[in-house]
Amino acid sequence: MARGGSQPHNMSKKGMYNMKHLALITILALLFIPVADARLGETVKKCKKRYGPPTEEKATQKGLTKVYRKGDFVVEVEFGLRQHVLFFKTMKAVAITYSKLAPNTRTRHVPLSEEEIGTFLEVNMQGESWKDVNMMMEVARHASSDDQARLLQKADDIMIWRREDGGAATYGKASHELVIRSPREEDSGEGTGKGHELDGF
């Protein structure tokens, strides 16, 4: 009787374990749903698979620029030609501009959150790490008083990050656009960052 009486209790504990396990899997899945992380080094084909057809497209002297829309985000990708063996060329993302639309409008003047900026930087590390640029030290590097005055005026309006390989990123507090660039077109290997991703990208 004691053995039989303990069976429902054991099954209840097993059921609770399964529910907790399922809840944990669900939470982890939600945390890692992709949102808006186009990456430097991606091909045109990969960007199309990620976002669908571009809303705008134009040829440039060095390649091609495509604009994609995903949810509230606008992602403008500049593709450059990358030389391969036997003179085969492929187009890779060498610069990406991220911006966010206000709900139900077409204006871009909506600030990106710190989390969104952090995510975009992380997925575009390309094996490197980003470092904040101290704008006051940047000003001190310029001997010209005209340059110093100009930079001081902009110091409160822009955020800058750099990588040791020469990659750079800027966020304009007035334009609300985050621009991330590879150091050189030939070094546009795919981003390898694994930060928190944004939904649907």
N, C-alpha and C. Protein backbone atom coordinates (compact mmCIF):
# COMPACT_ATOMS: atom_id res chain seq x y z
N MET A 1 0.84 -1.21 0.00
CA MET A 1 0.00 0.00 0.00
C MET A 1 0.87 1.26 0.00
N ALA A 2 1.92 1.20 0.83
CA ALA A 2 2.80 2.38 0.90
C ALA A 2 3.45 2.63 -0.45
N ARG A 3 3.83 1.50 -1.13
CA ARG A 3 4.48 1.64 -2.44
C ARG A 3 3.50 2.20 -3.46
N GLY A 4 2.28 1.64 -3.40
CA GLY A 4 1.28 2.13 -4.34
C GLY A 4 0.90 3.56 -4.07
N GLY A 5 0.89 3.96 -2.79
CA GLY A 5 0.50 5.32 -2.44
C GLY A 5 1.56 6.34 -2.85
N SER A 6 2.80 5.91 -2.99
CA SER A 6 3.86 6.86 -3.33
C SER A 6 3.95 7.12 -4.82
N GLN A 7 3.32 6.26 -5.65
CA GLN A 7 3.44 6.39 -7.10
C GLN A 7 2.87 7.70 -7.63
N PRO A 8 1.67 8.11 -7.22
CA PRO A 8 1.15 9.38 -7.72
C PRO A 8 2.06 10.55 -7.37
N HIS A 9 2.68 10.49 -6.17
CA HIS A 9 3.57 11.57 -5.76
C HIS A 9 4.78 11.64 -6.68
N ASN A 10 5.37 10.46 -7.04
CA ASN A 10 6.52 10.42 -7.92
C ASN A 10 6.17 10.91 -9.31
N MET A 11 5.00 10.53 -9.81
CA MET A 11 4.59 10.97 -11.14
C MET A 11 4.36 12.48 -11.15
N SER A 12 3.88 13.01 -10.04
CA SER A 12 3.66 14.44 -9.95
C SER A 12 4.98 15.20 -10.02
N LYS A 13 5.99 14.68 -9.33
CA LYS A 13 7.30 15.31 -9.36
C LYS A 13 7.90 15.25 -10.76
N LYS A 14 7.69 14.11 -11.44
CA LYS A 14 8.21 13.97 -12.80
C LYS A 14 7.52 14.94 -13.74
N GLY A 15 6.21 15.09 -13.52
CA GLY A 15 5.46 16.02 -14.37
C GLY A 15 5.91 17.45 -14.16
N MET A 16 6.17 17.82 -12.90
CA MET A 16 6.66 19.17 -12.61
C MET A 16 8.03 19.40 -13.23
N TYR A 17 8.88 18.37 -13.19
CA TYR A 17 10.22 18.48 -13.80
C TYR A 17 10.10 18.72 -15.30
N ASN A 18 9.22 17.96 -15.96
CA ASN A 18 9.04 18.11 -17.40
C ASN A 18 8.53 19.51 -17.75
N MET A 19 7.61 20.04 -16.94
CA MET A 19 7.07 21.37 -17.20
C MET A 19 8.15 22.44 -17.03
N LYS A 20 8.97 22.29 -15.97
CA LYS A 20 10.05 23.25 -15.75
C LYS A 20 11.07 23.17 -16.89
N HIS A 21 11.36 21.95 -17.35
CA HIS A 21 12.30 21.75 -18.44
C HIS A 21 11.79 22.41 -19.72
N LEU A 22 10.50 22.22 -20.00
CA LEU A 22 9.88 22.82 -21.18
C LEU A 22 9.89 24.34 -21.10
N ALA A 23 9.60 24.87 -19.90
CA ALA A 23 9.60 26.32 -19.72
C ALA A 23 10.99 26.90 -19.94
N LEU A 24 12.04 26.19 -19.46
CA LEU A 24 13.41 26.66 -19.63
C LEU A 24 13.79 26.68 -21.10
N ILE A 25 13.42 25.63 -21.83
CA ILE A 25 13.72 25.57 -23.26
C ILE A 25 13.03 26.71 -24.00
N THR A 26 11.78 26.99 -23.63
CA THR A 26 11.03 28.07 -24.27
C THR A 26 11.68 29.43 -24.04
N ILE A 27 12.10 29.68 -22.78
CA ILE A 27 12.76 30.94 -22.45
C ILE A 27 14.05 31.11 -23.23
N LEU A 28 14.86 30.04 -23.30
CA LEU A 28 16.13 30.11 -24.03
C LEU A 28 15.90 30.35 -25.51
N ALA A 29 14.86 29.72 -26.05
CA ALA A 29 14.54 29.91 -27.47
C ALA A 29 14.17 31.36 -27.75
N LEU A 30 13.39 31.96 -26.85
CA LEU A 30 12.98 33.35 -27.03
C LEU A 30 14.17 34.30 -26.93
N LEU A 31 15.12 33.98 -26.07
CA LEU A 31 16.28 34.85 -25.90
C LEU A 31 17.16 34.89 -27.13
N PHE A 32 17.17 33.79 -27.89
CA PHE A 32 18.09 33.71 -29.02
C PHE A 32 17.40 33.75 -30.37
N ILE A 33 16.18 34.28 -30.41
CA ILE A 33 15.52 34.51 -31.69
C ILE A 33 16.24 35.65 -32.39
N PRO A 34 16.63 35.49 -33.69
CA PRO A 34 17.31 36.58 -34.37
C PRO A 34 16.42 37.77 -34.61
N VAL A 35 16.94 39.02 -34.48
CA VAL A 35 16.11 40.22 -34.68
C VAL A 35 16.61 41.12 -35.79
N ALA A 36 17.74 41.75 -35.66
CA ALA A 36 18.18 42.68 -36.70
C ALA A 36 19.68 42.65 -36.86
N ASP A 37 20.23 41.50 -37.12
CA ASP A 37 21.69 41.41 -37.07
C ASP A 37 22.31 41.05 -38.41
N ALA A 38 22.10 41.89 -39.43
CA ALA A 38 22.87 41.73 -40.66
C ALA A 38 24.33 41.87 -40.27
N ARG A 39 25.19 41.12 -40.93
CA ARG A 39 26.58 41.10 -40.49
C ARG A 39 27.54 41.45 -41.60
N LEU A 40 28.62 42.12 -41.25
CA LEU A 40 29.67 42.40 -42.20
C LEU A 40 30.19 41.09 -42.77
N GLY A 41 30.44 41.07 -44.05
CA GLY A 41 30.96 39.86 -44.69
C GLY A 41 29.89 38.96 -45.28
N GLU A 42 28.62 39.24 -45.00
CA GLU A 42 27.57 38.41 -45.58
C GLU A 42 27.39 38.71 -47.06
N THR A 43 26.99 37.71 -47.81
CA THR A 43 26.76 37.87 -49.24
C THR A 43 25.37 38.44 -49.49
N VAL A 44 25.13 38.86 -50.73
CA VAL A 44 23.81 39.35 -51.13
C VAL A 44 22.77 38.25 -50.92
N LYS A 45 23.14 37.03 -51.24
CA LYS A 45 22.22 35.90 -51.11
C LYS A 45 21.81 35.68 -49.65
N LYS A 46 22.77 35.78 -48.74
CA LYS A 46 22.45 35.58 -47.32
C LYS A 46 21.55 36.69 -46.79
N CYS A 47 21.82 37.93 -47.23
CA CYS A 47 20.98 39.04 -46.78
C CYS A 47 19.56 38.90 -47.30
N LYS A 48 19.42 38.44 -48.53
CA LYS A 48 18.08 38.23 -49.09
C LYS A 48 17.34 37.15 -48.32
N LYS A 49 18.07 36.09 -47.95
CA LYS A 49 17.46 35.01 -47.18
C LYS A 49 17.04 35.50 -45.80
N ARG A 50 17.82 36.40 -45.22
CA ARG A 50 17.55 36.91 -43.88
C ARG A 50 16.38 37.90 -43.87
N TYR A 51 16.34 38.79 -44.88
CA TYR A 51 15.37 39.88 -44.88
C TYR A 51 14.28 39.81 -45.95
N GLY A 52 14.54 39.03 -47.02
CA GLY A 52 13.64 39.09 -48.15
C GLY A 52 14.17 40.10 -49.17
N PRO A 53 13.39 40.38 -50.20
CA PRO A 53 13.84 41.31 -51.25
C PRO A 53 14.09 42.70 -50.69
N PRO A 54 15.08 43.42 -51.22
CA PRO A 54 15.34 44.78 -50.76
C PRO A 54 14.24 45.74 -51.18
N THR A 55 14.06 46.80 -50.41
CA THR A 55 13.07 47.82 -50.76
C THR A 55 13.67 48.87 -51.69
N GLU A 56 15.00 49.00 -51.64
CA GLU A 56 15.72 49.92 -52.52
C GLU A 56 17.02 49.26 -52.94
N GLU A 57 17.53 49.70 -54.10
CA GLU A 57 18.78 49.14 -54.60
C GLU A 57 19.43 50.13 -55.56
N LYS A 58 20.74 50.31 -55.42
CA LYS A 58 21.45 51.20 -56.34
C LYS A 58 22.90 50.78 -56.48
N ALA A 59 23.42 50.97 -57.70
CA ALA A 59 24.80 50.63 -57.98
C ALA A 59 25.70 51.76 -57.52
N THR A 60 26.91 51.40 -57.06
CA THR A 60 27.90 52.39 -56.66
C THR A 60 29.20 52.12 -57.43
N GLN A 61 30.18 53.00 -57.30
CA GLN A 61 31.44 52.82 -58.00
C GLN A 61 32.16 51.56 -57.54
N LYS A 62 31.99 51.21 -56.27
CA LYS A 62 32.71 50.06 -55.73
C LYS A 62 31.85 48.81 -55.58
N GLY A 63 30.57 48.91 -55.87
CA GLY A 63 29.74 47.73 -55.70
C GLY A 63 28.25 48.03 -55.79
N LEU A 64 27.55 47.76 -54.71
CA LEU A 64 26.09 47.85 -54.71
C LEU A 64 25.58 48.15 -53.32
N THR A 65 24.53 48.94 -53.23
CA THR A 65 23.89 49.22 -51.94
C THR A 65 22.44 48.74 -52.00
N LYS A 66 22.04 47.99 -50.98
CA LYS A 66 20.66 47.49 -50.89
C LYS A 66 20.08 47.90 -49.54
N VAL A 67 18.81 48.27 -49.54
CA VAL A 67 18.12 48.66 -48.31
C VAL A 67 17.04 47.63 -48.03
N TYR A 68 17.05 47.12 -46.78
CA TYR A 68 16.09 46.10 -46.37
C TYR A 68 15.23 46.64 -45.23
N ARG A 69 14.04 46.14 -45.13
CA ARG A 69 13.14 46.52 -44.04
C ARG A 69 12.74 45.25 -43.29
N LYS A 70 12.89 45.29 -41.98
CA LYS A 70 12.50 44.16 -41.13
C LYS A 70 11.85 44.69 -39.88
N GLY A 71 10.54 44.56 -39.79
CA GLY A 71 9.84 45.11 -38.64
C GLY A 71 10.00 46.62 -38.62
N ASP A 72 10.45 47.15 -37.49
CA ASP A 72 10.66 48.59 -37.35
C ASP A 72 12.06 49.03 -37.79
N PHE A 73 12.89 48.08 -38.21
CA PHE A 73 14.26 48.40 -38.54
C PHE A 73 14.48 48.58 -40.04
N VAL A 74 15.37 49.52 -40.37
CA VAL A 74 15.85 49.70 -41.74
C VAL A 74 17.33 49.35 -41.73
N VAL A 75 17.74 48.45 -42.61
CA VAL A 75 19.12 48.01 -42.68
C VAL A 75 19.65 48.29 -44.08
N GLU A 76 20.58 49.23 -44.17
CA GLU A 76 21.19 49.58 -45.46
C GLU A 76 22.56 48.92 -45.54
N VAL A 77 22.73 48.05 -46.53
CA VAL A 77 23.95 47.26 -46.65
C VAL A 77 24.72 47.67 -47.90
N GLU A 78 25.98 48.02 -47.70
CA GLU A 78 26.86 48.34 -48.83
C GLU A 78 27.70 47.10 -49.14
N PHE A 79 27.55 46.60 -50.35
CA PHE A 79 28.29 45.42 -50.78
C PHE A 79 29.47 45.84 -51.65
N GLY A 80 30.63 45.23 -51.40
CA GLY A 80 31.81 45.50 -52.21
C GLY A 80 32.29 44.22 -52.85
N LEU A 81 32.98 44.34 -53.97
CA LEU A 81 33.52 43.17 -54.65
C LEU A 81 34.74 42.65 -53.93
N ARG A 82 34.78 41.36 -53.73
CA ARG A 82 35.92 40.73 -53.08
C ARG A 82 36.58 39.77 -54.06
N GLN A 83 37.88 39.94 -54.29
CA GLN A 83 38.61 39.15 -55.28
C GLN A 83 38.92 37.75 -54.73
N HIS A 84 38.72 36.74 -55.58
CA HIS A 84 39.05 35.37 -55.21
C HIS A 84 39.97 34.77 -56.27
N VAL A 85 40.35 33.52 -56.07
CA VAL A 85 41.23 32.86 -57.03
C VAL A 85 40.54 32.75 -58.38
N LEU A 86 41.35 32.64 -59.44
CA LEU A 86 40.84 32.54 -60.81
C LEU A 86 39.98 33.73 -61.19
N PHE A 87 40.23 34.87 -60.53
CA PHE A 87 39.55 36.13 -60.83
C PHE A 87 38.05 36.08 -60.57
N PHE A 88 37.61 35.10 -59.80
CA PHE A 88 36.18 35.04 -59.45
C PHE A 88 35.90 36.08 -58.37
N LYS A 89 34.84 36.83 -58.55
CA LYS A 89 34.48 37.87 -57.59
C LYS A 89 33.12 37.60 -56.97
N THR A 90 33.00 37.93 -55.71
CA THR A 90 31.72 37.83 -55.04
C THR A 90 31.50 39.11 -54.24
N MET A 91 30.24 39.44 -53.98
CA MET A 91 29.94 40.67 -53.27
C MET A 91 29.68 40.38 -51.80
N LYS A 92 30.38 41.10 -50.95
CA LYS A 92 30.24 40.92 -49.50
C LYS A 92 29.89 42.26 -48.85
N ALA A 93 29.19 42.19 -47.73
CA ALA A 93 28.81 43.40 -47.00
C ALA A 93 30.05 44.02 -46.38
N VAL A 94 30.35 45.26 -46.76
CA VAL A 94 31.52 45.96 -46.22
C VAL A 94 31.12 47.10 -45.29
N ALA A 95 29.86 47.50 -45.32
CA ALA A 95 29.36 48.54 -44.42
C ALA A 95 27.86 48.35 -44.22
N ILE A 96 27.41 48.58 -43.00
CA ILE A 96 25.98 48.42 -42.68
C ILE A 96 25.51 49.61 -41.86
N THR A 97 24.37 50.17 -42.24
CA THR A 97 23.76 51.26 -41.48
C THR A 97 22.44 50.76 -40.90
N TYR A 98 22.32 50.84 -39.58
CA TYR A 98 21.10 50.41 -38.89
C TYR A 98 20.31 51.64 -38.42
N SER A 99 19.03 51.63 -38.63
CA SER A 99 18.17 52.68 -38.09
C SER A 99 16.83 52.06 -37.74
N LYS A 100 16.05 52.81 -36.98
CA LYS A 100 14.78 52.29 -36.48
C LYS A 100 13.65 53.27 -36.77
N LEU A 101 12.58 52.74 -37.33
CA LEU A 101 11.44 53.57 -37.69
C LEU A 101 10.49 53.74 -36.52
N ALA A 102 9.89 54.90 -36.44
CA ALA A 102 8.82 55.09 -35.46
C ALA A 102 7.63 54.25 -35.91
N PRO A 103 6.88 53.67 -34.98
CA PRO A 103 5.73 52.83 -35.35
C PRO A 103 4.76 53.56 -36.27
N ASN A 104 4.34 52.86 -37.33
CA ASN A 104 3.35 53.36 -38.28
C ASN A 104 3.80 54.61 -39.04
N THR A 105 5.11 54.84 -39.13
CA THR A 105 5.61 55.98 -39.89
C THR A 105 6.78 55.53 -40.75
N ARG A 106 7.29 56.43 -41.57
CA ARG A 106 8.46 56.13 -42.39
C ARG A 106 9.66 56.98 -41.98
N THR A 107 9.55 57.67 -40.87
CA THR A 107 10.67 58.47 -40.41
C THR A 107 11.67 57.60 -39.68
N ARG A 108 12.96 57.96 -39.77
CA ARG A 108 14.01 57.17 -39.11
C ARG A 108 14.45 57.78 -37.79
N HIS A 109 13.88 58.88 -37.41
CA HIS A 109 14.37 59.59 -36.23
C HIS A 109 13.85 58.99 -34.93
N VAL A 110 14.22 57.73 -34.72
CA VAL A 110 13.88 57.03 -33.49
C VAL A 110 15.17 56.45 -32.93
N PRO A 111 15.52 56.79 -31.69
CA PRO A 111 16.80 56.32 -31.14
C PRO A 111 16.86 54.80 -31.04
N LEU A 112 18.05 54.25 -31.28
CA LEU A 112 18.31 52.84 -31.00
C LEU A 112 18.61 52.72 -29.51
N SER A 113 18.14 51.66 -28.90
CA SER A 113 18.42 51.45 -27.49
C SER A 113 19.88 51.00 -27.31
N GLU A 114 20.38 51.10 -26.08
CA GLU A 114 21.74 50.64 -25.79
C GLU A 114 21.88 49.15 -26.09
N GLU A 115 20.82 48.39 -25.80
CA GLU A 115 20.85 46.95 -26.05
C GLU A 115 20.93 46.66 -27.55
N GLU A 116 20.18 47.42 -28.34
CA GLU A 116 20.20 47.22 -29.80
C GLU A 116 21.56 47.57 -30.38
N ILE A 117 22.12 48.70 -29.94
CA ILE A 117 23.45 49.09 -30.40
C ILE A 117 24.47 48.03 -30.02
N GLY A 118 24.40 47.56 -28.78
CA GLY A 118 25.33 46.54 -28.31
C GLY A 118 25.23 45.26 -29.12
N THR A 119 24.00 44.86 -29.47
CA THR A 119 23.80 43.65 -30.27
C THR A 119 24.43 43.80 -31.64
N PHE A 120 24.18 44.93 -32.31
CA PHE A 120 24.71 45.14 -33.65
C PHE A 120 26.24 45.17 -33.65
N LEU A 121 26.83 45.75 -32.62
CA LEU A 121 28.28 45.76 -32.53
C LEU A 121 28.82 44.35 -32.31
N GLU A 122 28.18 43.60 -31.44
CA GLU A 122 28.66 42.25 -31.11
C GLU A 122 28.63 41.32 -32.30
N VAL A 123 27.56 41.39 -33.11
CA VAL A 123 27.47 40.46 -34.24
C VAL A 123 28.34 40.90 -35.42
N ASN A 124 28.97 42.06 -35.30
CA ASN A 124 29.88 42.54 -36.34
C ASN A 124 31.31 42.68 -35.83
N MET A 125 31.69 41.84 -34.88
CA MET A 125 33.05 41.90 -34.35
C MET A 125 34.07 41.32 -35.31
N GLN A 126 33.67 40.32 -36.11
CA GLN A 126 34.57 39.65 -37.07
C GLN A 126 35.85 39.16 -36.40
N GLY A 127 35.69 38.58 -35.23
CA GLY A 127 36.84 38.03 -34.51
C GLY A 127 37.64 39.06 -33.73
N GLU A 128 37.22 40.32 -33.77
CA GLU A 128 37.91 41.38 -33.03
C GLU A 128 37.03 41.84 -31.87
N SER A 129 37.44 42.89 -31.19
CA SER A 129 36.63 43.46 -30.13
C SER A 129 36.52 44.96 -30.32
N TRP A 130 35.39 45.52 -29.93
CA TRP A 130 35.15 46.96 -30.06
C TRP A 130 35.62 47.69 -28.81
N LYS A 131 36.18 48.87 -29.01
CA LYS A 131 36.58 49.71 -27.89
C LYS A 131 35.98 51.10 -28.06
N ASP A 132 35.42 51.62 -26.98
CA ASP A 132 34.88 52.99 -27.02
C ASP A 132 36.02 53.98 -27.27
N VAL A 133 35.74 54.99 -28.08
CA VAL A 133 36.71 56.05 -28.32
C VAL A 133 36.36 57.23 -27.42
N ASN A 134 37.34 57.62 -26.60
CA ASN A 134 37.17 58.79 -25.73
C ASN A 134 37.28 60.05 -26.59
N MET A 135 36.16 60.75 -26.77
CA MET A 135 36.14 61.89 -27.67
C MET A 135 37.07 63.01 -27.22
N MET A 136 37.26 63.17 -25.91
CA MET A 136 38.15 64.22 -25.43
C MET A 136 39.60 63.91 -25.82
N MET A 137 39.98 62.63 -25.76
CA MET A 137 41.31 62.23 -26.19
C MET A 137 41.45 62.37 -27.70
N GLU A 138 40.36 62.12 -28.40
CA GLU A 138 40.35 62.28 -29.85
C GLU A 138 40.59 63.74 -30.22
N VAL A 139 39.97 64.63 -29.48
CA VAL A 139 40.16 66.06 -29.72
C VAL A 139 41.62 66.45 -29.47
N ALA A 140 42.20 65.90 -28.40
CA ALA A 140 43.57 66.25 -28.03
C ALA A 140 44.58 65.80 -29.08
N ARG A 141 44.22 64.80 -29.88
CA ARG A 141 45.13 64.29 -30.90
C ARG A 141 45.28 65.28 -32.06
N HIS A 142 44.36 66.22 -32.20
CA HIS A 142 44.39 67.16 -33.30
C HIS A 142 45.01 68.48 -32.85
N ALA A 143 46.10 68.85 -33.52
CA ALA A 143 46.82 70.08 -33.13
C ALA A 143 46.07 71.33 -33.57
N SER A 144 45.36 71.24 -34.67
CA SER A 144 44.66 72.40 -35.21
C SER A 144 43.55 72.84 -34.27
N SER A 145 43.53 74.12 -33.92
CA SER A 145 42.48 74.63 -33.04
C SER A 145 41.11 74.57 -33.73
N ASP A 146 41.11 74.70 -35.06
CA ASP A 146 39.85 74.61 -35.80
C ASP A 146 39.27 73.20 -35.69
N ASP A 147 40.16 72.18 -35.84
CA ASP A 147 39.71 70.80 -35.70
C ASP A 147 39.22 70.52 -34.29
N GLN A 148 39.93 71.04 -33.30
CA GLN A 148 39.55 70.83 -31.92
C GLN A 148 38.18 71.42 -31.63
N ALA A 149 37.94 72.62 -32.13
CA ALA A 149 36.64 73.27 -31.91
C ALA A 149 35.52 72.48 -32.59
N ARG A 150 35.81 71.98 -33.79
CA ARG A 150 34.80 71.22 -34.53
C ARG A 150 34.47 69.91 -33.81
N LEU A 151 35.52 69.23 -33.35
CA LEU A 151 35.30 67.95 -32.67
C LEU A 151 34.62 68.13 -31.32
N LEU A 152 34.98 69.19 -30.61
CA LEU A 152 34.33 69.45 -29.33
C LEU A 152 32.83 69.67 -29.51
N GLN A 153 32.48 70.33 -30.62
CA GLN A 153 31.06 70.58 -30.89
C GLN A 153 30.33 69.28 -31.18
N LYS A 154 31.05 68.32 -31.80
CA LYS A 154 30.42 67.05 -32.17
C LYS A 154 30.52 66.00 -31.07
N ALA A 155 31.36 66.27 -30.07
CA ALA A 155 31.64 65.25 -29.05
C ALA A 155 30.38 64.75 -28.36
N ASP A 156 29.41 65.64 -28.16
CA ASP A 156 28.19 65.25 -27.47
C ASP A 156 27.15 64.66 -28.41
N ASP A 157 27.44 64.69 -29.72
CA ASP A 157 26.45 64.25 -30.70
C ASP A 157 26.77 62.91 -31.35
N ILE A 158 27.94 62.36 -31.04
CA ILE A 158 28.34 61.14 -31.72
C ILE A 158 29.05 60.19 -30.75
N MET A 159 28.86 58.89 -31.00
CA MET A 159 29.56 57.85 -30.26
C MET A 159 30.40 57.07 -31.27
N ILE A 160 31.63 56.72 -30.87
CA ILE A 160 32.55 56.05 -31.79
C ILE A 160 33.14 54.81 -31.12
N TRP A 161 33.26 53.75 -31.93
CA TRP A 161 33.93 52.53 -31.49
C TRP A 161 34.94 52.15 -32.57
N ARG A 162 36.06 51.56 -32.14
CA ARG A 162 37.06 51.09 -33.10
C ARG A 162 37.52 49.69 -32.74
N ARG A 163 37.97 48.97 -33.77
CA ARG A 163 38.60 47.68 -33.58
C ARG A 163 40.08 47.81 -33.92
N GLU A 164 40.89 46.91 -33.38
CA GLU A 164 42.33 46.99 -33.62
C GLU A 164 42.67 46.77 -35.09
N ASP A 165 41.81 46.07 -35.83
CA ASP A 165 42.10 45.83 -37.25
C ASP A 165 41.70 47.01 -38.13
N GLY A 166 41.15 48.06 -37.54
CA GLY A 166 40.77 49.23 -38.32
C GLY A 166 39.28 49.37 -38.55
N GLY A 167 38.50 48.37 -38.16
CA GLY A 167 37.05 48.48 -38.27
C GLY A 167 36.54 49.61 -37.40
N ALA A 168 35.47 50.27 -37.83
CA ALA A 168 34.97 51.42 -37.08
C ALA A 168 33.45 51.44 -37.07
N ALA A 169 32.89 52.03 -36.03
CA ALA A 169 31.44 52.18 -35.92
C ALA A 169 31.14 53.54 -35.31
N THR A 170 30.09 54.18 -35.80
CA THR A 170 29.67 55.48 -35.25
C THR A 170 28.15 55.47 -35.07
N TYR A 171 27.70 56.12 -34.01
CA TYR A 171 26.27 56.29 -33.78
C TYR A 171 25.98 57.77 -33.62
N GLY A 172 25.16 58.31 -34.49
CA GLY A 172 24.79 59.71 -34.41
C GLY A 172 23.57 59.90 -33.54
N LYS A 173 23.72 60.68 -32.49
CA LYS A 173 22.60 60.88 -31.57
C LYS A 173 21.50 61.73 -32.18
N ALA A 174 21.83 62.49 -33.22
CA ALA A 174 20.83 63.30 -33.91
C ALA A 174 20.17 62.51 -35.04
N SER A 175 20.99 61.79 -35.81
CA SER A 175 20.47 61.01 -36.95
C SER A 175 19.88 59.68 -36.50
N HIS A 176 20.31 59.20 -35.31
CA HIS A 176 19.88 57.90 -34.77
C HIS A 176 20.26 56.75 -35.71
N GLU A 177 21.40 56.89 -36.38
CA GLU A 177 21.88 55.85 -37.28
C GLU A 177 23.20 55.29 -36.77
N LEU A 178 23.29 53.97 -36.77
CA LEU A 178 24.52 53.28 -36.40
C LEU A 178 25.17 52.78 -37.68
N VAL A 179 26.39 53.25 -37.95
CA VAL A 179 27.12 52.85 -39.16
C VAL A 179 28.33 52.03 -38.76
N ILE A 180 28.44 50.81 -39.31
CA ILE A 180 29.55 49.91 -38.99
C ILE A 180 30.27 49.56 -40.28
N ARG A 181 31.61 49.71 -40.27
CA ARG A 181 32.38 49.48 -41.49
C ARG A 181 33.53 48.49 -41.25
N SER A 182 33.79 47.67 -42.26
CA SER A 182 34.98 46.83 -42.25
C SER A 182 36.21 47.71 -42.47
N PRO A 183 37.38 47.28 -42.01
CA PRO A 183 38.59 48.09 -42.21
C PRO A 183 38.95 48.24 -43.67
N ARG A 184 38.82 47.13 -44.44
CA ARG A 184 39.11 47.14 -45.86
C ARG A 184 38.16 46.16 -46.53
N GLU A 185 37.84 46.42 -47.79
CA GLU A 185 36.90 45.56 -48.49
C GLU A 185 37.40 44.12 -48.56
N GLU A 186 38.72 43.95 -48.73
CA GLU A 186 39.25 42.59 -48.87
C GLU A 186 39.23 41.83 -47.55
N ASP A 187 38.97 42.53 -46.43
CA ASP A 187 38.94 41.88 -45.12
C ASP A 187 37.53 41.69 -44.61
N SER A 188 36.57 41.65 -45.53
CA SER A 188 35.17 41.59 -45.11
C SER A 188 34.71 40.16 -44.84
N GLY A 189 35.43 39.47 -43.93
CA GLY A 189 35.00 38.14 -43.53
C GLY A 189 33.73 38.25 -42.70
N GLU A 190 32.94 37.20 -42.66
CA GLU A 190 31.66 37.27 -41.95
C GLU A 190 31.85 37.54 -40.48
N GLY A 191 30.92 38.33 -39.91
CA GLY A 191 30.96 38.62 -38.48
C GLY A 191 30.79 37.35 -37.68
N THR A 192 31.52 37.26 -36.58
CA THR A 192 31.48 36.05 -35.76
C THR A 192 30.98 36.33 -34.36
N GLY A 193 30.45 37.52 -34.13
CA GLY A 193 29.96 37.83 -32.78
C GLY A 193 28.76 37.00 -32.42
N LYS A 194 28.55 36.77 -31.13
CA LYS A 194 27.44 35.94 -30.67
C LYS A 194 26.64 36.67 -29.59
N GLY A 195 26.38 37.93 -29.80
CA GLY A 195 25.62 38.69 -28.81
C GLY A 195 24.16 38.33 -28.84
N HIS A 196 23.36 38.94 -27.97
CA HIS A 196 21.93 38.74 -28.01
C HIS A 196 21.42 39.21 -29.35
N GLU A 197 20.57 38.43 -29.99
CA GLU A 197 20.09 38.76 -31.31
C GLU A 197 18.72 39.41 -31.22
N LEU A 198 18.34 40.10 -32.32
CA LEU A 198 17.07 40.78 -32.40
C LEU A 198 16.11 39.97 -33.25
N ASP A 199 14.84 40.07 -33.01
CA ASP A 199 13.84 39.17 -33.59
C ASP A 199 13.63 39.34 -35.08
N GLY A 200 13.81 38.25 -35.86
CA GLY A 200 13.46 38.22 -37.26
C GLY A 200 14.56 38.60 -38.23
N PHE A 201 15.81 38.77 -37.74
CA PHE A 201 16.91 39.19 -38.62
C PHE A 201 18.02 38.16 -38.64
